[in-house]
Amino acid sequence: MYAHHILRNTFRFITTICAALKPDQQYRFCPSYALAVATQFAVFPTFGLRVGVVENLGLGLIFTAVSLARGYLLRRLFDRLHF
């Protein structure tokens, strides 16, 4: 019951984030997040990692945030270097 409550709130949080983003940001965030979570569900068991759904969604948010921050910083760096 508790995990279902957390899962529902996590889904609402992600939906709120996607709704608040501009369309071009949605095209980067939403697919990136979905891909991160799907990859974790497929790859983690291969390495013997047992992670619950709620933890998987949280890790997906962290990985997606790091990925988007990396893309932003690299874009700014290359803009500054005139590439």
Protein backbone atom coordinates (compact mmCIF):
# COMPACT_ATOMS: atom_id res chain seq x y z
CA MET A 1 0.00 0.00 0.00
CA TYR A 2 2.75 2.44 0.96
CA ALA A 3 4.76 1.70 -2.21
CA HIS A 4 1.65 2.29 -4.30
CA HIS A 5 1.19 5.69 -2.63
CA ILE A 6 4.83 6.62 -3.34
CA LEU A 7 4.56 5.40 -6.93
CA ARG A 8 1.40 7.45 -7.50
CA ASN A 9 3.03 10.58 -6.05
CA THR A 10 6.18 10.03 -8.11
CA PHE A 11 4.06 9.73 -11.26
CA ARG A 12 2.24 12.96 -10.37
CA PHE A 13 5.58 14.69 -9.77
CA ILE A 14 6.93 13.58 -13.16
CA THR A 15 3.68 14.57 -14.89
CA THR A 16 3.86 18.00 -13.23
CA ILE A 17 7.46 18.46 -14.36
CA CYS A 18 6.63 17.52 -17.95
CA ALA A 19 3.61 19.84 -17.99
CA ALA A 20 5.68 22.76 -16.67
CA LEU A 21 8.38 22.40 -19.31
CA LYS A 22 8.39 24.16 -22.65
CA PRO A 23 7.74 21.86 -25.63
CA ASP A 24 11.40 21.64 -26.65
CA GLN A 25 12.32 20.76 -23.05
CA GLN A 26 9.58 18.14 -22.93
CA TYR A 27 11.04 16.49 -26.03
CA ARG A 28 14.35 16.14 -24.19
CA PHE A 29 13.21 15.35 -20.64
CA CYS A 30 10.27 12.99 -21.08
CA PRO A 31 11.85 10.55 -23.56
CA SER A 32 15.17 10.70 -21.69
CA TYR A 33 13.44 9.81 -18.44
CA ALA A 34 11.44 6.99 -19.99
CA LEU A 35 14.57 5.58 -21.64
CA ALA A 36 16.55 5.80 -18.38
CA VAL A 37 13.88 3.91 -16.43
CA ALA A 38 13.35 1.29 -19.16
CA THR A 39 17.10 0.72 -19.40
CA GLN A 40 17.36 0.29 -15.63
CA PHE A 41 14.55 -2.29 -15.62
CA ALA A 42 16.37 -4.21 -18.36
CA VAL A 43 19.99 -3.85 -17.23
CA PHE A 44 19.95 -3.87 -13.42
CA PRO A 45 18.83 -7.53 -13.13
CA THR A 46 21.65 -8.52 -15.49
CA PHE A 47 24.13 -7.24 -12.91
CA GLY A 48 22.24 -8.78 -10.00
CA LEU A 49 20.88 -5.44 -8.78
CA ARG A 50 17.44 -5.72 -7.24
CA VAL A 51 15.80 -2.30 -7.18
CA GLY A 52 12.12 -1.63 -6.56
CA VAL A 53 9.89 0.35 -8.88
CA VAL A 54 9.92 3.47 -6.70
CA GLU A 55 13.71 3.41 -6.39
CA ASN A 56 13.98 2.84 -10.14
CA LEU A 57 11.84 5.92 -10.83
CA GLY A 58 13.94 8.01 -8.44
CA LEU A 59 17.19 6.84 -10.00
CA GLY A 60 15.74 7.62 -13.42
CA LEU A 61 15.09 11.20 -12.31
CA ILE A 62 18.64 11.55 -11.01
CA PHE A 63 20.22 10.07 -14.15
CA THR A 64 18.02 12.20 -16.40
CA ALA A 65 18.83 15.38 -14.44
CA VAL A 66 22.57 14.66 -14.67
CA SER A 67 22.28 13.96 -18.38
CA LEU A 68 20.34 17.16 -19.08
CA ALA A 69 22.76 19.22 -16.96
CA ARG A 70 25.70 17.70 -18.83
CA GLY A 71 24.11 18.56 -22.17
CA TYR A 72 23.42 22.12 -21.05
CA LEU A 73 26.96 22.67 -19.74
CA LEU A 74 28.60 21.20 -22.82
CA ARG A 75 26.41 23.31 -25.10
CA ARG A 76 27.41 26.45 -23.18
CA LEU A 77 31.08 25.45 -23.28
CA PHE A 78 31.05 24.90 -27.03
CA ASP A 79 29.10 28.13 -27.56
CA ARG A 80 31.81 29.96 -25.64
CA LEU A 81 34.53 28.22 -27.68
CA HIS A 82 32.66 29.12 -30.91
CA PHE A 83 32.13 25.56 -32.14
